[in-house]
Structure formats: structure tokens, C-alpha cells
N, C-alpha and C. Protein backbone atom coordinates (compact mmCIF):
# COMPACT_ATOMS: atom_id res chain seq x y z
N MET A 1 119.99 106.81 120.64
CA MET A 1 119.53 107.66 119.60
C MET A 1 120.33 109.09 118.63
N ASP A 2 120.46 109.31 118.06
CA ASP A 2 121.47 110.08 117.94
C ASP A 2 121.28 111.70 117.68
N SER A 3 122.60 112.29 117.88
CA SER A 3 121.92 114.27 117.60
C SER A 3 120.94 114.60 117.07
N ALA A 4 120.97 113.89 116.14
CA ALA A 4 119.79 114.61 115.34
C ALA A 4 117.97 114.27 115.57
N ASP A 5 118.11 113.05 115.73
CA ASP A 5 116.51 112.26 116.77
C ASP A 5 116.89 113.18 117.61
N ARG A 6 117.38 113.59 118.92
CA ARG A 6 117.66 114.92 119.87
C ARG A 6 117.07 116.75 119.84
N ASN A 7 117.63 115.85 118.34
CA ASN A 7 116.82 118.07 118.35
C ASN A 7 115.32 118.05 117.61
N LEU A 8 114.95 116.83 117.37
CA LEU A 8 113.75 116.79 116.68
C LEU A 8 113.82 116.42 117.98
N ALA A 9 113.89 115.56 118.74
CA ALA A 9 112.37 115.33 119.86
C ALA A 9 112.43 116.88 120.54
N THR A 10 113.72 117.06 120.78
CA THR A 10 113.12 118.74 121.61
C THR A 10 112.45 120.31 120.78
N LYS A 11 112.31 119.51 118.87
CA LYS A 11 111.58 121.28 118.70
C LYS A 11 110.19 120.11 118.97
N ALA A 12 110.04 119.05 118.54
CA ALA A 12 108.29 118.54 118.96
C ALA A 12 107.76 118.94 120.10
N ARG A 13 108.90 118.76 121.08
CA ARG A 13 108.39 119.04 122.22
C ARG A 13 107.61 120.00 122.80
N GLU A 14 108.58 121.57 122.17
CA GLU A 14 108.47 122.47 122.45
C GLU A 14 107.39 123.12 121.53
N LEU A 15 107.44 122.50 120.43
CA LEU A 15 106.31 123.11 118.43
C LEU A 15 104.70 122.39 120.10
N SER A 16 104.71 121.47 120.53
CA SER A 16 103.56 120.84 121.18
C SER A 16 102.98 121.47 122.21
N LEU A 17 104.46 121.87 123.08
CA LEU A 17 104.02 122.76 124.44
C LEU A 17 103.00 124.07 124.01
N SER A 18 103.43 124.77 122.99
CA SER A 18 103.69 126.27 122.33
C SER A 18 102.50 126.21 121.87
N ALA A 19 101.63 124.75 121.32
CA ALA A 19 100.95 124.98 120.82
C ALA A 19 99.18 124.45 121.00
N PHE A 20 100.03 123.01 122.23
CA PHE A 20 98.48 122.81 122.74
C PHE A 20 98.76 122.01 124.64
N GLY A 21 100.43 122.89 124.77
CA GLY A 21 100.13 122.20 126.36
C GLY A 21 100.51 121.06 126.88
N VAL A 22 100.87 119.99 125.58
CA VAL A 22 101.07 118.55 126.03
C VAL A 22 102.33 119.00 125.98
N PHE A 23 102.99 118.16 126.80
CA PHE A 23 105.03 117.31 126.98
C PHE A 23 104.17 115.73 126.23
N PRO A 24 104.33 115.69 124.24
CA PRO A 24 104.47 114.50 124.01
C PRO A 24 105.55 113.47 124.77
N ASP A 25 105.45 112.09 125.31
CA ASP A 25 106.05 111.50 126.16
C ASP A 25 106.73 110.61 125.15
N ILE A 26 106.87 110.85 124.00
CA ILE A 26 106.39 109.46 123.27
C ILE A 26 108.19 110.11 121.85
N PRO A 27 108.64 108.72 121.62
CA PRO A 27 110.56 108.74 120.85
C PRO A 27 109.36 109.52 120.23
N PHE A 28 110.15 110.05 119.36
CA PHE A 28 110.59 111.22 117.60
C PHE A 28 112.13 110.95 117.13
N SER A 29 111.86 110.28 115.94
CA SER A 29 113.31 110.57 115.24
C SER A 29 113.37 110.25 113.60
N PHE A 30 113.63 110.47 112.66
CA PHE A 30 114.53 110.42 111.76
C PHE A 30 113.72 109.49 111.10
N ASN A 31 112.72 108.86 110.63
CA ASN A 31 113.48 107.64 109.57
C ASN A 31 113.44 107.96 108.07
N SER A 32 114.27 106.89 106.91
CA SER A 32 115.12 107.15 106.03
C SER A 32 114.33 106.67 104.89
N ARG A 33 113.45 105.17 105.74
CA ARG A 33 112.94 104.46 104.41
C ARG A 33 111.55 105.14 104.57
N LEU A 34 111.57 105.59 105.16
CA LEU A 34 109.83 107.06 104.88
C LEU A 34 109.51 107.86 103.96
N LYS A 35 109.58 106.78 102.40
CA LYS A 35 109.37 107.81 101.29
C LYS A 35 107.67 108.46 100.73
N ARG A 36 107.40 107.90 101.02
CA ARG A 36 105.80 108.08 100.46
C ARG A 36 104.72 109.19 101.28
N VAL A 37 105.47 109.29 102.71
CA VAL A 37 104.62 110.21 103.09
C VAL A 37 105.49 111.40 104.29
N LEU A 38 105.75 112.24 104.86
CA LEU A 38 106.16 113.35 105.93
C LEU A 38 106.37 112.65 106.93
N GLY A 39 105.83 112.37 107.04
CA GLY A 39 106.06 112.30 109.03
C GLY A 39 104.71 111.03 109.23
N ARG A 40 104.40 109.94 110.74
CA ARG A 40 103.58 109.66 110.49
C ARG A 40 103.87 109.45 112.27
N LEU A 41 102.70 108.97 113.21
CA LEU A 41 101.94 108.78 114.37
C LEU A 41 102.56 107.50 114.43
N VAL A 42 102.88 106.55 114.78
CA VAL A 42 102.46 105.58 114.70
C VAL A 42 102.25 104.32 116.38
N TYR A 43 101.51 103.50 116.41
CA TYR A 43 100.41 103.75 117.69
C TYR A 43 100.02 102.11 117.77
N SER A 44 99.37 102.19 118.40
CA SER A 44 98.65 100.42 118.94
C SER A 44 97.62 99.87 119.54
N LYS A 45 96.65 99.55 118.81
CA LYS A 45 95.36 99.66 119.39
C LYS A 45 94.97 98.16 120.17
N SER A 46 94.38 98.17 120.92
CA SER A 46 94.74 96.43 121.86
C SER A 46 92.64 97.18 122.72
N ARG A 47 92.10 95.89 121.93
CA ARG A 47 90.54 96.76 122.75
C ARG A 47 90.23 97.90 123.21
N GLU A 48 90.47 98.20 121.39
CA GLU A 48 89.89 100.20 121.16
C GLU A 48 90.53 101.03 121.33
N MET A 49 91.73 100.67 122.78
CA MET A 49 92.51 101.92 122.84
C MET A 49 93.92 101.10 122.49
N LEU A 50 93.22 102.64 121.98
CA LEU A 50 95.03 103.36 121.11
C LEU A 50 96.32 103.67 121.77
N THR A 51 97.26 103.61 121.45
CA THR A 51 97.98 103.83 122.46
C THR A 51 99.36 104.09 121.73
N PRO A 52 99.74 106.26 121.50
CA PRO A 52 100.69 106.33 120.37
C PRO A 52 101.77 105.53 121.60
N LEU A 53 102.68 105.04 119.89
CA LEU A 53 104.21 104.49 120.65
C LEU A 53 105.11 105.82 119.73
N ARG A 54 105.64 106.02 119.24
CA ARG A 54 106.82 107.09 118.34
C ARG A 54 105.84 107.82 117.49
N ILE A 55 106.52 108.93 117.19
CA ILE A 55 106.45 110.18 115.38
C ILE A 55 107.57 109.48 115.03
N GLU A 56 107.85 109.63 113.87
CA GLU A 56 108.42 109.42 112.69
C GLU A 56 108.98 110.15 111.74
N ILE A 57 109.44 111.09 110.74
CA ILE A 57 109.73 111.99 109.90
C ILE A 57 110.86 111.83 108.93
N SER A 58 109.85 112.18 107.73
CA SER A 58 110.84 111.57 106.82
C SER A 58 112.85 112.20 107.11
N SER A 59 113.05 111.40 107.22
CA SER A 59 114.99 111.92 107.02
C SER A 59 114.95 112.98 105.97
N SER A 60 114.22 113.09 105.11
CA SER A 60 114.33 114.74 103.32
C SER A 60 114.16 115.12 103.64
N ILE A 61 113.10 115.94 104.68
CA ILE A 61 112.82 117.00 105.17
C ILE A 61 113.65 117.36 105.92
N SER A 62 114.39 116.92 106.52
CA SER A 62 114.92 117.16 107.73
C SER A 62 116.25 118.72 107.82
N ASP A 63 116.49 118.94 106.50
CA ASP A 63 117.44 120.02 106.16
C ASP A 63 116.29 121.67 106.30
N ASN A 64 115.46 120.87 105.57
CA ASN A 64 113.77 122.04 104.86
C ASN A 64 112.77 123.09 106.27
N GLU A 65 113.19 123.59 107.15
CA GLU A 65 112.75 124.49 108.47
C GLU A 65 111.34 124.36 108.53
N GLU A 66 110.67 124.54 108.27
CA GLU A 66 109.43 125.27 107.37
C GLU A 66 109.03 124.20 107.42
N LEU A 67 109.76 123.45 106.33
CA LEU A 67 108.47 122.17 106.29
C LEU A 67 108.62 120.93 107.49
N LEU A 68 109.66 121.23 107.53
CA LEU A 68 109.90 120.15 109.72
C LEU A 68 109.18 120.63 110.04
N LYS A 69 108.81 122.43 110.70
CA LYS A 69 107.68 122.48 111.59
C LYS A 69 106.38 122.13 111.51
N LYS A 70 105.86 122.67 110.09
CA LYS A 70 104.80 122.49 108.82
C LYS A 70 104.43 121.20 109.41
N THR A 71 105.64 119.67 108.80
CA THR A 71 105.36 118.23 109.69
C THR A 71 105.08 118.17 111.11
N LEU A 72 106.23 118.39 112.11
CA LEU A 72 105.58 118.14 113.26
C LEU A 72 104.17 118.57 113.57
N LEU A 73 104.08 119.29 113.23
CA LEU A 73 102.73 120.28 113.97
C LEU A 73 101.62 119.33 114.09
N HIS A 74 101.81 118.61 112.29
CA HIS A 74 100.47 117.70 111.20
C HIS A 74 100.58 116.85 112.60
N GLU A 75 101.93 115.93 112.83
CA GLU A 75 101.68 114.93 113.65
C GLU A 75 101.07 115.19 114.59
N LEU A 76 102.21 116.12 115.36
CA LEU A 76 101.27 116.44 116.75
C LEU A 76 99.66 117.04 117.63
N SER A 77 99.40 117.09 116.00
CA SER A 77 97.74 116.96 116.46
C SER A 77 97.14 116.02 116.11
N HIS A 78 97.97 115.24 114.80
CA HIS A 78 97.04 113.62 115.30
C HIS A 78 97.09 113.41 116.69
N PHE A 79 98.54 113.35 117.57
CA PHE A 79 98.64 113.00 118.59
C PHE A 79 98.01 113.10 119.88
N TYR A 80 98.37 115.00 119.52
CA TYR A 80 96.31 115.49 120.84
C TYR A 80 95.20 114.84 120.29
N LEU A 81 94.73 114.63 119.38
CA LEU A 81 94.08 114.64 119.57
C LEU A 81 93.36 113.41 119.13
N MET A 82 94.35 112.42 119.86
CA MET A 82 94.07 110.34 119.54
C MET A 82 94.46 110.80 121.31
N MET A 83 95.11 111.81 121.95
CA MET A 83 95.06 111.17 123.36
C MET A 83 94.45 111.59 123.89
N ASN A 84 92.92 112.61 123.16
CA ASN A 84 91.69 113.52 123.86
C ASN A 84 90.63 112.88 123.30
N ASP A 85 90.64 111.20 123.26
CA ASP A 85 89.83 110.42 122.73
C ASP A 85 89.15 111.59 121.22
N ARG A 86 90.03 112.11 120.78
CA ARG A 86 88.73 112.38 119.76
C ARG A 86 89.47 111.85 118.32
N ASP A 87 88.23 111.51 116.97
CA ASP A 87 89.17 111.77 116.66
C ASP A 87 90.05 112.43 115.13
N PHE A 88 90.99 111.22 115.39
CA PHE A 88 92.09 112.33 114.50
C PHE A 88 92.32 111.48 113.28
N SER A 89 91.56 111.45 111.95
CA SER A 89 91.77 111.48 110.86
C SER A 89 92.10 112.58 110.27
N HIS A 90 92.21 112.28 109.27
CA HIS A 90 92.72 113.64 107.96
C HIS A 90 91.69 114.48 107.39
N ASN A 91 90.79 112.95 107.32
CA ASN A 91 88.92 113.76 107.11
C ASN A 91 88.36 114.28 108.42
N SER A 92 88.34 114.57 110.14
CA SER A 92 88.51 114.79 111.26
C SER A 92 87.45 116.24 110.71
N PRO A 93 86.69 117.27 111.51
CA PRO A 93 86.58 118.10 111.50
C PRO A 93 87.50 119.38 112.53
N GLU A 94 87.53 118.41 113.38
CA GLU A 94 88.66 118.71 113.86
C GLU A 94 90.08 119.21 113.97
N PHE A 95 90.50 117.45 113.31
CA PHE A 95 92.02 117.30 112.26
C PHE A 95 92.46 119.15 111.27
N ARG A 96 90.99 118.51 110.90
CA ARG A 96 91.53 120.38 109.94
C ARG A 96 90.97 121.42 110.04
N LYS A 97 90.24 121.81 111.33
CA LYS A 97 90.21 122.76 112.46
C LYS A 97 91.88 122.97 112.54
N LEU A 98 91.80 122.03 113.56
CA LEU A 98 93.74 122.87 113.72
C LEU A 98 94.39 123.03 112.84
N SER A 99 94.33 122.36 111.32
CA SER A 99 95.17 122.33 110.52
C SER A 99 95.07 123.59 109.91
N GLN A 100 93.97 124.02 109.86
CA GLN A 100 93.58 125.44 109.52
C GLN A 100 94.24 127.02 110.31
N GLU A 101 93.97 126.42 111.79
CA GLU A 101 94.52 127.27 113.00
C GLU A 101 95.90 127.52 113.35
N LEU A 102 96.36 125.67 113.16
CA LEU A 102 98.14 125.98 113.54
C LEU A 102 99.50 126.26 111.85
N GLY A 103 97.74 126.55 110.53
CA GLY A 103 98.81 126.50 109.39
C GLY A 103 99.54 125.62 108.67
N PHE A 104 99.46 124.13 108.52
CA PHE A 104 99.55 123.11 108.17
C PHE A 104 99.02 122.74 107.14
N ASP A 105 99.63 121.70 105.85
CA ASP A 105 98.39 121.31 105.49
C ASP A 105 98.11 119.92 104.94
N ILE A 106 96.86 119.91 105.57
CA ILE A 106 96.90 117.57 105.25
C ILE A 106 97.47 117.19 104.60
N VAL A 107 97.33 117.68 103.40
CA VAL A 107 98.61 116.79 102.01
C VAL A 107 99.35 118.58 101.43
N ALA A 108 100.79 116.99 102.26
CA ALA A 108 101.80 118.79 101.28
C ALA A 108 101.74 118.18 100.08
N GLU A 109 102.84 119.78 99.75
CA GLU A 109 103.57 119.53 98.40
C GLU A 109 104.67 120.45 98.05
N TYR A 110 106.14 119.98 98.37
CA TYR A 110 107.03 120.64 97.80
C TYR A 110 107.94 120.76 97.18
N GLU A 111 108.46 121.38 96.79
CA GLU A 111 109.05 121.64 95.99
C GLU A 111 109.57 121.00 95.17
N GLY A 112 108.28 120.99 94.39
CA GLY A 112 107.86 120.32 92.94
C GLY A 112 107.42 118.51 92.94
N LEU A 113 107.33 118.64 94.52
CA LEU A 113 107.19 116.91 94.45
C LEU A 113 105.23 116.47 94.66
N PRO A 114 105.21 116.09 93.67
CA PRO A 114 104.12 115.79 93.17
C PRO A 114 103.10 114.98 94.60
N VAL A 115 101.76 115.04 94.59
CA VAL A 115 101.13 114.56 95.47
C VAL A 115 99.46 114.18 94.96
N HIS A 116 100.07 112.07 95.40
CA HIS A 116 98.92 111.36 94.64
C HIS A 116 97.85 111.60 95.61
N ILE A 117 96.98 111.43 95.49
CA ILE A 117 95.72 110.95 96.11
C ILE A 117 94.67 110.32 95.57
N TRP A 118 94.48 109.19 96.12
CA TRP A 118 93.39 108.17 95.63
C TRP A 118 91.99 108.07 96.49
N VAL A 119 91.12 107.99 95.65
CA VAL A 119 90.20 108.19 96.46
C VAL A 119 88.67 106.45 95.65
N CYS A 120 87.76 106.18 96.97
CA CYS A 120 86.73 105.52 96.72
C CYS A 120 86.32 105.94 95.29
N SER A 121 85.82 105.41 94.24
CA SER A 121 85.09 105.83 93.29
C SER A 121 83.55 105.69 93.40
N VAL A 122 83.53 105.49 94.19
CA VAL A 122 81.68 106.38 94.83
C VAL A 122 81.65 107.48 95.60
N CYS A 123 82.09 107.14 96.62
CA CYS A 123 82.24 108.73 97.55
C CYS A 123 83.41 109.80 97.03
N LYS A 124 84.37 108.24 96.95
CA LYS A 124 85.18 110.35 96.65
C LYS A 124 85.87 110.16 97.46
N ARG A 125 86.39 109.93 98.97
CA ARG A 125 86.96 109.50 100.27
C ARG A 125 88.11 109.71 100.06
N THR A 126 89.64 110.62 100.32
CA THR A 126 90.92 110.26 100.08
C THR A 126 91.04 108.36 100.99
N VAL A 127 91.38 107.89 100.27
CA VAL A 127 91.59 106.61 101.23
C VAL A 127 93.28 106.02 101.00
N ALA A 128 94.01 106.71 100.09
CA ALA A 128 95.36 107.24 100.29
C ALA A 128 96.47 108.41 99.50
N ILE A 129 97.29 108.65 100.10
CA ILE A 129 98.31 109.72 99.22
C ILE A 129 99.58 108.71 99.27
N SER A 130 99.99 109.52 98.57
CA SER A 130 101.56 109.52 98.00
C SER A 130 102.32 110.63 97.42
N PHE A 131 103.73 110.15 97.24
CA PHE A 131 104.43 110.62 96.62
C PHE A 131 105.26 110.57 95.25
N ASN A 132 104.52 109.04 95.14
CA ASN A 132 105.33 108.41 93.80
C ASN A 132 103.33 108.33 93.44
N ARG A 133 103.40 107.57 91.39
CA ARG A 133 101.50 107.36 91.34
C ARG A 133 101.88 105.69 91.50
N ARG A 134 102.73 105.21 91.37
CA ARG A 134 102.83 103.78 91.72
C ARG A 134 101.18 103.63 91.77
N ARG A 135 100.39 102.31 90.81
CA ARG A 135 99.29 102.51 89.97
C ARG A 135 99.33 101.48 92.21
N LYS A 136 97.92 101.19 92.16
CA LYS A 136 97.32 101.26 93.65
C LYS A 136 96.19 100.01 93.21
N ASN A 137 96.15 99.37 93.93
CA ASN A 137 94.95 98.78 93.78
C ASN A 137 94.10 98.06 95.08
N GLY A 138 93.09 97.47 94.50
CA GLY A 138 92.29 97.20 96.10
C GLY A 138 90.73 97.60 96.12
N LEU A 139 90.18 97.48 97.23
CA LEU A 139 88.59 98.34 97.42
C LEU A 139 88.97 99.93 98.70
N SER A 140 87.91 101.13 98.29
CA SER A 140 88.22 101.61 99.72
C SER A 140 87.16 100.46 101.18
N SER A 141 87.76 101.20 102.05
CA SER A 141 88.02 100.54 103.17
C SER A 141 86.16 101.21 103.81
N CYS A 142 85.80 102.02 102.75
CA CYS A 142 84.27 102.69 102.86
C CYS A 142 82.78 102.14 102.30
N CYS A 143 83.63 102.03 100.82
CA CYS A 143 81.94 101.08 100.20
C CYS A 143 82.30 100.91 99.77
N LYS A 144 83.71 99.90 99.60
CA LYS A 144 84.89 98.43 99.06
C LYS A 144 84.41 99.11 97.51
N ALA A 145 84.68 100.13 97.23
CA ALA A 145 84.15 99.66 95.72
C ALA A 145 86.12 99.95 95.41
N PRO A 146 85.63 100.25 94.25
CA PRO A 146 87.88 100.05 93.45
C PRO A 146 88.02 101.37 93.67
N ILE A 147 89.17 101.80 93.92
CA ILE A 147 89.86 102.87 94.17
C ILE A 147 90.56 103.62 92.85
N GLU A 148 90.25 104.77 92.41
CA GLU A 148 91.40 105.74 92.00
C GLU A 148 92.48 106.77 91.68
N LEU A 149 92.49 106.98 91.18
CA LEU A 149 93.09 107.84 91.26
C LEU A 149 92.98 109.76 91.08
N GLN A 150 92.97 110.65 92.05
CA GLN A 150 92.04 111.49 91.94
C GLN A 150 92.91 112.88 91.45
N GLU A 151 92.55 113.10 89.96
CA GLU A 151 92.79 113.93 89.20
C GLU A 151 92.25 115.80 89.44
N LYS A 152 93.72 116.31 89.03
CA LYS A 152 93.73 117.33 89.86
C LYS A 152 92.81 118.66 89.24
């Protein structure tokens, strides 16, 4: 673990303790390969049991303190809800409530970088979010309908 990752872990654990009263005993690291998301909670699923493995943050935001804090709060909210056996998806009321209380965006836009939202063509539920507009094909998991780019 390099010093940047150690600093990230310290910052994340301090934020988690102040926001949730929980010490996340998982690794935190910057990941230069994250191009379409600012962060992610990596977890495993076995027999309906979810186990958080690590939180990765895009190295592209390492110098932006405010965005880094909001991204960490976002990922820590997923972690907190998962650990408490609650719905940790972006669309859950509990996640949206944490978003408002802690002041982070569910979908991030920063420094002119557009966010593209792909939705189910039938029910309009968000199925994918990306920072590039590369065409996405496939069917939504909700209605098994084609997905489409949501116009702003």
C-alpha cells in the first residue's frame, strides 16, 4: 500500500466514523482504471450473503478534496447500508436519504465532465451511468426492454 492509499484509507475511516459511527475494516485504494465511475464498492455474493471486499476511488479525483470527500461518503453509504442488511442501491429511499443528509450527489458531475444516464425504455429506471457516451446495448434487468440514453 503506497502513501496515497494510506492517506485515502485514513480519510475514509475518519469520514465513516463521523458520519456513521462505523470503522470500515476493508482496504481503500485509488484505481487509475476507473474511467466511467468515480468510485465503487467491490463485494462478493455467496448464498445471498454480501461481503464488502474493498472501496476503490478513481485516481482522477485524488487532487480534488471536495469531490473526493463526496465520493467517499457516497461509497461509504453503500457500505453502511450493506452492512446493515438494507437496500444499498442508488434508487433505494435509504440511500437517497443519506445522499441528502450527507450532501453528496447520487450522480456526480464535475468540472464540465458530462454524466450520461442510461434508462429502461419502458419504466425509465436508471440501469447504467457513465462519463462517456459510448453506445450501450442490451436489455434492462427490470423489464427486459432495450435501454436508451436519457435526455437531459
